[in-house]
Amino acid sequence: MHFKFIDSANIPHNEIIGSYDFILVILSITVACIASYTAFVLTRRIHKNNKLPWLLAGSFIQGTGIWSMHFIGMLAFKLPDNISVSYDPLITTISILPAILASFVVFRTNPKHSNMLINSILM
């Protein structure tokens, strides 16, 4: 599947053409949906019991779901064979923290006292 965002008459000579692996794109969407569903089921327990373990579990699941969706999406983008891409394991692992922290902040708010639209935008 190829997406073109520029007019073919104005193609630069150094353009890099890539494609997406459709199966990995579908997997990315599936992972995001399962992680979101699981996290929101867990967060129902947060407000009923007001327990920190449920908040941490929901934040971790939602954050890893967000991170996994993006990482699988990056792997789905295929570049030409003469271009290699590598990921630093330390930086890649650390990159999961903002997603977990954003999930923690949003799940910490009580839905009765907050605007879910604003929380969704923040996440």
N, C-alpha and C. Protein backbone atom coordinates (compact mmCIF):
# COMPACT_ATOMS: atom_id res chain seq x y z
N MET A 1 0.85 -1.16 0.00
CA MET A 1 0.00 0.00 0.00
C MET A 1 0.90 1.23 0.00
N HIS A 2 0.73 2.09 -0.96
CA HIS A 2 1.54 3.30 -1.07
C HIS A 2 0.64 4.52 -0.92
N PHE A 3 1.10 5.48 -0.13
CA PHE A 3 0.42 6.76 0.01
C PHE A 3 1.30 7.83 -0.59
N LYS A 4 0.73 8.67 -1.41
CA LYS A 4 1.50 9.76 -2.01
C LYS A 4 0.92 11.07 -1.52
N PHE A 5 1.79 11.90 -0.94
CA PHE A 5 1.36 13.16 -0.38
C PHE A 5 1.84 14.35 -1.18
N ILE A 6 2.52 14.09 -2.29
CA ILE A 6 2.97 15.19 -3.14
C ILE A 6 2.59 14.87 -4.58
N ASP A 7 2.48 15.87 -5.37
CA ASP A 7 2.15 15.73 -6.78
C ASP A 7 3.30 15.02 -7.50
N SER A 8 2.98 14.04 -8.33
CA SER A 8 4.02 13.27 -9.01
C SER A 8 4.88 14.11 -9.94
N ALA A 9 4.37 15.25 -10.35
CA ALA A 9 5.17 16.13 -11.21
C ALA A 9 6.27 16.84 -10.42
N ASN A 10 6.11 16.94 -9.11
CA ASN A 10 7.07 17.65 -8.27
C ASN A 10 7.87 16.71 -7.36
N ILE A 11 8.07 15.48 -7.80
CA ILE A 11 8.79 14.51 -6.98
C ILE A 11 10.28 14.89 -6.92
N PRO A 12 10.81 15.03 -5.72
CA PRO A 12 12.24 15.31 -5.62
C PRO A 12 13.05 14.09 -6.08
N HIS A 13 14.26 14.32 -6.52
CA HIS A 13 15.10 13.23 -7.02
C HIS A 13 15.60 12.34 -5.89
N ASN A 14 15.58 12.81 -4.68
CA ASN A 14 16.09 12.02 -3.56
C ASN A 14 14.96 11.45 -2.70
N GLU A 15 13.79 11.27 -3.27
CA GLU A 15 12.65 10.74 -2.53
C GLU A 15 12.90 9.28 -2.13
N ILE A 16 12.51 8.95 -0.91
CA ILE A 16 12.58 7.58 -0.44
C ILE A 16 11.15 7.04 -0.42
N ILE A 17 10.93 5.96 -1.13
CA ILE A 17 9.60 5.38 -1.22
C ILE A 17 9.53 4.18 -0.29
N GLY A 18 8.54 4.19 0.58
CA GLY A 18 8.33 3.09 1.49
C GLY A 18 6.94 2.53 1.32
N SER A 19 6.69 1.44 2.00
CA SER A 19 5.36 0.83 1.97
C SER A 19 5.04 0.29 3.36
N TYR A 20 3.78 -0.06 3.56
CA TYR A 20 3.35 -0.58 4.85
C TYR A 20 2.99 -2.05 4.72
N ASP A 21 3.36 -2.82 5.72
CA ASP A 21 2.95 -4.22 5.81
C ASP A 21 1.55 -4.23 6.42
N PHE A 22 0.55 -4.56 5.61
CA PHE A 22 -0.85 -4.47 6.02
C PHE A 22 -1.14 -5.33 7.26
N ILE A 23 -0.53 -6.50 7.35
CA ILE A 23 -0.76 -7.38 8.50
C ILE A 23 -0.27 -6.72 9.79
N LEU A 24 0.90 -6.08 9.75
CA LEU A 24 1.41 -5.40 10.94
C LEU A 24 0.57 -4.18 11.31
N VAL A 25 0.02 -3.50 10.34
CA VAL A 25 -0.86 -2.36 10.62
C VAL A 25 -2.11 -2.86 11.35
N ILE A 26 -2.70 -3.94 10.87
CA ILE A 26 -3.89 -4.53 11.53
C ILE A 26 -3.52 -5.01 12.94
N LEU A 27 -2.35 -5.62 13.09
CA LEU A 27 -1.89 -6.06 14.42
C LEU A 27 -1.74 -4.87 15.35
N SER A 28 -1.20 -3.76 14.86
CA SER A 28 -1.03 -2.56 15.66
C SER A 28 -2.37 -2.04 16.17
N ILE A 29 -3.35 -1.98 15.31
CA ILE A 29 -4.68 -1.52 15.70
C ILE A 29 -5.31 -2.48 16.71
N THR A 30 -5.14 -3.77 16.49
CA THR A 30 -5.69 -4.78 17.39
C THR A 30 -5.07 -4.68 18.79
N VAL A 31 -3.76 -4.51 18.84
CA VAL A 31 -3.07 -4.37 20.13
C VAL A 31 -3.59 -3.14 20.87
N ALA A 32 -3.76 -2.04 20.16
CA ALA A 32 -4.25 -0.81 20.79
C ALA A 32 -5.66 -1.01 21.35
N CYS A 33 -6.52 -1.66 20.60
CA CYS A 33 -7.90 -1.87 21.05
C CYS A 33 -7.96 -2.78 22.28
N ILE A 34 -7.20 -3.87 22.25
CA ILE A 34 -7.20 -4.80 23.39
C ILE A 34 -6.62 -4.13 24.64
N ALA A 35 -5.53 -3.40 24.48
CA ALA A 35 -4.92 -2.72 25.62
C ALA A 35 -5.86 -1.67 26.19
N SER A 36 -6.52 -0.90 25.34
CA SER A 36 -7.45 0.13 25.83
C SER A 36 -8.62 -0.50 26.56
N TYR A 37 -9.18 -1.54 25.98
CA TYR A 37 -10.32 -2.21 26.64
C TYR A 37 -9.91 -2.74 28.01
N THR A 38 -8.78 -3.42 28.06
CA THR A 38 -8.30 -3.99 29.32
C THR A 38 -8.03 -2.90 30.35
N ALA A 39 -7.40 -1.83 29.94
CA ALA A 39 -7.07 -0.74 30.87
C ALA A 39 -8.34 -0.09 31.40
N PHE A 40 -9.32 0.16 30.55
CA PHE A 40 -10.53 0.82 31.02
C PHE A 40 -11.38 -0.10 31.89
N VAL A 41 -11.32 -1.40 31.67
CA VAL A 41 -12.00 -2.34 32.59
C VAL A 41 -11.33 -2.26 33.96
N LEU A 42 -10.01 -2.21 33.99
CA LEU A 42 -9.30 -2.11 35.26
C LEU A 42 -9.57 -0.78 35.95
N THR A 43 -9.69 0.29 35.19
CA THR A 43 -9.88 1.60 35.82
C THR A 43 -11.25 1.74 36.47
N ARG A 44 -12.19 0.92 36.09
CA ARG A 44 -13.48 0.93 36.81
C ARG A 44 -13.27 0.56 38.28
N ARG A 45 -12.33 -0.31 38.53
CA ARG A 45 -12.04 -0.72 39.90
C ARG A 45 -11.34 0.38 40.69
N ILE A 46 -10.62 1.25 39.99
CA ILE A 46 -9.90 2.33 40.66
C ILE A 46 -10.88 3.22 41.41
N HIS A 47 -11.94 3.64 40.73
CA HIS A 47 -12.86 4.60 41.31
C HIS A 47 -13.83 3.94 42.29
N LYS A 48 -14.04 2.64 42.18
CA LYS A 48 -14.88 1.95 43.14
C LYS A 48 -14.12 1.71 44.44
N ASN A 49 -12.89 1.25 44.31
CA ASN A 49 -12.10 0.87 45.48
C ASN A 49 -11.05 1.90 45.86
N ASN A 50 -10.76 2.82 44.91
CA ASN A 50 -9.73 3.83 45.13
C ASN A 50 -8.41 3.19 45.57
N LYS A 51 -8.00 2.18 44.84
CA LYS A 51 -6.79 1.44 45.17
C LYS A 51 -5.67 1.76 44.20
N LEU A 52 -4.50 2.05 44.75
CA LEU A 52 -3.33 2.36 43.96
C LEU A 52 -2.90 1.20 43.04
N PRO A 53 -2.98 -0.05 43.48
CA PRO A 53 -2.57 -1.14 42.57
C PRO A 53 -3.37 -1.18 41.27
N TRP A 54 -4.68 -0.88 41.33
CA TRP A 54 -5.49 -0.88 40.11
C TRP A 54 -5.09 0.27 39.20
N LEU A 55 -4.78 1.42 39.82
CA LEU A 55 -4.34 2.57 39.04
C LEU A 55 -3.01 2.27 38.34
N LEU A 56 -2.07 1.68 39.05
CA LEU A 56 -0.78 1.34 38.46
C LEU A 56 -0.93 0.29 37.36
N ALA A 57 -1.77 -0.71 37.61
CA ALA A 57 -1.98 -1.77 36.61
C ALA A 57 -2.63 -1.20 35.34
N GLY A 58 -3.67 -0.39 35.52
CA GLY A 58 -4.32 0.21 34.36
C GLY A 58 -3.40 1.13 33.58
N SER A 59 -2.60 1.92 34.29
CA SER A 59 -1.65 2.83 33.64
C SER A 59 -0.58 2.06 32.88
N PHE A 60 -0.09 0.98 33.50
CA PHE A 60 0.93 0.18 32.84
C PHE A 60 0.39 -0.49 31.58
N ILE A 61 -0.80 -1.06 31.68
CA ILE A 61 -1.39 -1.75 30.52
C ILE A 61 -1.69 -0.75 29.41
N GLN A 62 -2.30 0.38 29.74
CA GLN A 62 -2.61 1.38 28.70
C GLN A 62 -1.33 1.94 28.10
N GLY A 63 -0.35 2.26 28.94
CA GLY A 63 0.91 2.81 28.44
C GLY A 63 1.66 1.85 27.55
N THR A 64 1.74 0.58 27.95
CA THR A 64 2.42 -0.40 27.10
C THR A 64 1.62 -0.67 25.82
N GLY A 65 0.30 -0.56 25.90
CA GLY A 65 -0.52 -0.70 24.69
C GLY A 65 -0.26 0.42 23.70
N ILE A 66 -0.19 1.65 24.21
CA ILE A 66 0.12 2.81 23.35
C ILE A 66 1.50 2.63 22.72
N TRP A 67 2.47 2.28 23.54
CA TRP A 67 3.83 2.12 23.06
C TRP A 67 3.92 0.99 22.04
N SER A 68 3.29 -0.13 22.34
CA SER A 68 3.34 -1.29 21.43
C SER A 68 2.69 -0.97 20.10
N MET A 69 1.55 -0.27 20.15
CA MET A 69 0.87 0.11 18.91
C MET A 69 1.80 0.94 18.03
N HIS A 70 2.46 1.93 18.62
CA HIS A 70 3.35 2.78 17.84
C HIS A 70 4.58 2.02 17.34
N PHE A 71 5.14 1.16 18.18
CA PHE A 71 6.33 0.42 17.77
C PHE A 71 6.00 -0.56 16.65
N ILE A 72 4.88 -1.27 16.75
CA ILE A 72 4.47 -2.18 15.68
C ILE A 72 4.20 -1.39 14.40
N GLY A 73 3.59 -0.21 14.55
CA GLY A 73 3.36 0.65 13.39
C GLY A 73 4.66 1.08 12.73
N MET A 74 5.69 1.36 13.53
CA MET A 74 6.99 1.72 12.96
C MET A 74 7.61 0.52 12.24
N LEU A 75 7.43 -0.67 12.80
CA LEU A 75 7.96 -1.87 12.14
C LEU A 75 7.19 -2.17 10.86
N ALA A 76 5.94 -1.75 10.79
CA ALA A 76 5.12 -2.00 9.60
C ALA A 76 5.60 -1.19 8.40
N PHE A 77 6.29 -0.08 8.63
CA PHE A 77 6.76 0.75 7.53
C PHE A 77 8.04 0.15 6.97
N LYS A 78 8.00 -0.27 5.74
CA LYS A 78 9.13 -0.92 5.08
C LYS A 78 9.81 0.06 4.14
N LEU A 79 11.12 0.23 4.33
CA LEU A 79 11.94 1.07 3.47
C LEU A 79 12.65 0.20 2.44
N PRO A 80 13.22 0.81 1.41
CA PRO A 80 13.98 0.02 0.44
C PRO A 80 15.11 -0.77 1.12
N ASP A 81 15.54 -1.84 0.46
CA ASP A 81 16.55 -2.73 1.03
C ASP A 81 17.89 -2.06 1.33
N ASN A 82 18.21 -1.00 0.60
CA ASN A 82 19.51 -0.36 0.82
C ASN A 82 19.51 0.59 2.01
N ILE A 83 18.40 0.71 2.71
CA ILE A 83 18.31 1.56 3.90
C ILE A 83 18.03 0.67 5.10
N SER A 84 18.91 0.73 6.08
CA SER A 84 18.70 -0.07 7.29
C SER A 84 18.31 0.84 8.45
N VAL A 85 17.46 0.32 9.29
CA VAL A 85 17.00 1.05 10.47
C VAL A 85 17.29 0.18 11.68
N SER A 86 17.84 0.80 12.71
CA SER A 86 18.07 0.06 13.95
C SER A 86 17.57 0.90 15.12
N TYR A 87 17.21 0.24 16.18
CA TYR A 87 16.67 0.91 17.36
C TYR A 87 17.58 0.63 18.54
N ASP A 88 17.96 1.68 19.25
CA ASP A 88 18.77 1.54 20.45
C ASP A 88 17.91 0.91 21.54
N PRO A 89 18.30 -0.23 22.09
CA PRO A 89 17.46 -0.92 23.08
C PRO A 89 17.15 -0.06 24.31
N LEU A 90 18.12 0.70 24.81
CA LEU A 90 17.91 1.51 26.01
C LEU A 90 16.91 2.64 25.73
N ILE A 91 17.12 3.38 24.65
CA ILE A 91 16.23 4.49 24.33
C ILE A 91 14.83 3.97 23.99
N THR A 92 14.77 2.85 23.29
CA THR A 92 13.48 2.26 22.94
C THR A 92 12.73 1.85 24.20
N THR A 93 13.43 1.28 25.16
CA THR A 93 12.78 0.87 26.42
C THR A 93 12.33 2.09 27.22
N ILE A 94 13.17 3.11 27.29
CA ILE A 94 12.82 4.33 28.04
C ILE A 94 11.63 5.05 27.39
N SER A 95 11.46 4.89 26.10
CA SER A 95 10.39 5.60 25.40
C SER A 95 9.00 5.15 25.83
N ILE A 96 8.90 4.09 26.58
CA ILE A 96 7.60 3.63 27.07
C ILE A 96 7.11 4.48 28.26
N LEU A 97 8.02 5.14 28.95
CA LEU A 97 7.67 5.87 30.17
C LEU A 97 6.67 7.01 29.95
N PRO A 98 6.81 7.85 28.93
CA PRO A 98 5.81 8.92 28.76
C PRO A 98 4.38 8.40 28.57
N ALA A 99 4.23 7.28 27.88
CA ALA A 99 2.90 6.71 27.69
C ALA A 99 2.32 6.20 29.01
N ILE A 100 3.13 5.57 29.82
CA ILE A 100 2.66 5.08 31.12
C ILE A 100 2.33 6.26 32.04
N LEU A 101 3.18 7.28 32.05
CA LEU A 101 2.92 8.45 32.90
C LEU A 101 1.66 9.20 32.46
N ALA A 102 1.46 9.35 31.16
CA ALA A 102 0.25 10.01 30.67
C ALA A 102 -0.99 9.22 31.06
N SER A 103 -0.92 7.92 30.97
CA SER A 103 -2.05 7.07 31.37
C SER A 103 -2.31 7.22 32.86
N PHE A 104 -1.27 7.27 33.65
CA PHE A 104 -1.41 7.42 35.10
C PHE A 104 -2.13 8.72 35.44
N VAL A 105 -1.71 9.82 34.80
CA VAL A 105 -2.32 11.12 35.08
C VAL A 105 -3.80 11.12 34.71
N VAL A 106 -4.12 10.57 33.56
CA VAL A 106 -5.52 10.57 33.11
C VAL A 106 -6.37 9.63 33.95
N PHE A 107 -5.87 8.45 34.27
CA PHE A 107 -6.65 7.50 35.05
C PHE A 107 -6.80 7.94 36.50
N ARG A 108 -5.90 8.78 36.98
CA ARG A 108 -5.95 9.25 38.37
C ARG A 108 -7.13 10.18 38.61
N THR A 109 -7.57 10.87 37.56
CA THR A 109 -8.68 11.81 37.72
C THR A 109 -10.00 11.06 37.83
N ASN A 110 -10.87 11.57 38.62
CA ASN A 110 -12.19 10.97 38.79
C ASN A 110 -13.07 11.40 37.61
N PRO A 111 -13.66 10.44 36.89
CA PRO A 111 -14.46 10.81 35.72
C PRO A 111 -15.69 11.66 36.07
N LYS A 112 -16.13 11.63 37.31
CA LYS A 112 -17.27 12.45 37.72
C LYS A 112 -16.88 13.92 37.83
N HIS A 113 -15.59 14.18 38.09
CA HIS A 113 -15.12 15.54 38.30
C HIS A 113 -14.23 16.05 37.19
N SER A 114 -14.11 15.32 36.09
CA SER A 114 -13.22 15.75 35.02
C SER A 114 -13.91 15.57 33.67
N ASN A 115 -13.39 16.26 32.70
CA ASN A 115 -13.90 16.19 31.35
C ASN A 115 -13.14 15.11 30.59
N MET A 116 -13.82 14.04 30.19
CA MET A 116 -13.15 12.94 29.52
C MET A 116 -12.57 13.35 28.18
N LEU A 117 -13.18 14.36 27.51
CA LEU A 117 -12.63 14.84 26.26
C LEU A 117 -11.25 15.47 26.49
N ILE A 118 -11.14 16.28 27.52
CA ILE A 118 -9.85 16.89 27.85
C ILE A 118 -8.83 15.82 28.24
N ASN A 119 -9.25 14.84 29.04
CA ASN A 119 -8.36 13.75 29.41
C ASN A 119 -7.88 12.97 28.19
N SER A 120 -8.78 12.75 27.24
CA SER A 120 -8.41 12.03 26.03
C SER A 120 -7.39 12.81 25.21
N ILE A 121 -7.59 14.11 25.12
CA ILE A 121 -6.64 14.96 24.39
C ILE A 121 -5.28 14.95 25.10
N LEU A 122 -5.28 15.02 26.43
CA LEU A 122 -4.03 14.97 27.18
C LEU A 122 -3.31 13.66 26.97
N MET A 123 -4.04 12.57 26.91
CA MET A 123 -3.41 11.28 26.71
C MET A 123 -2.86 11.20 25.31
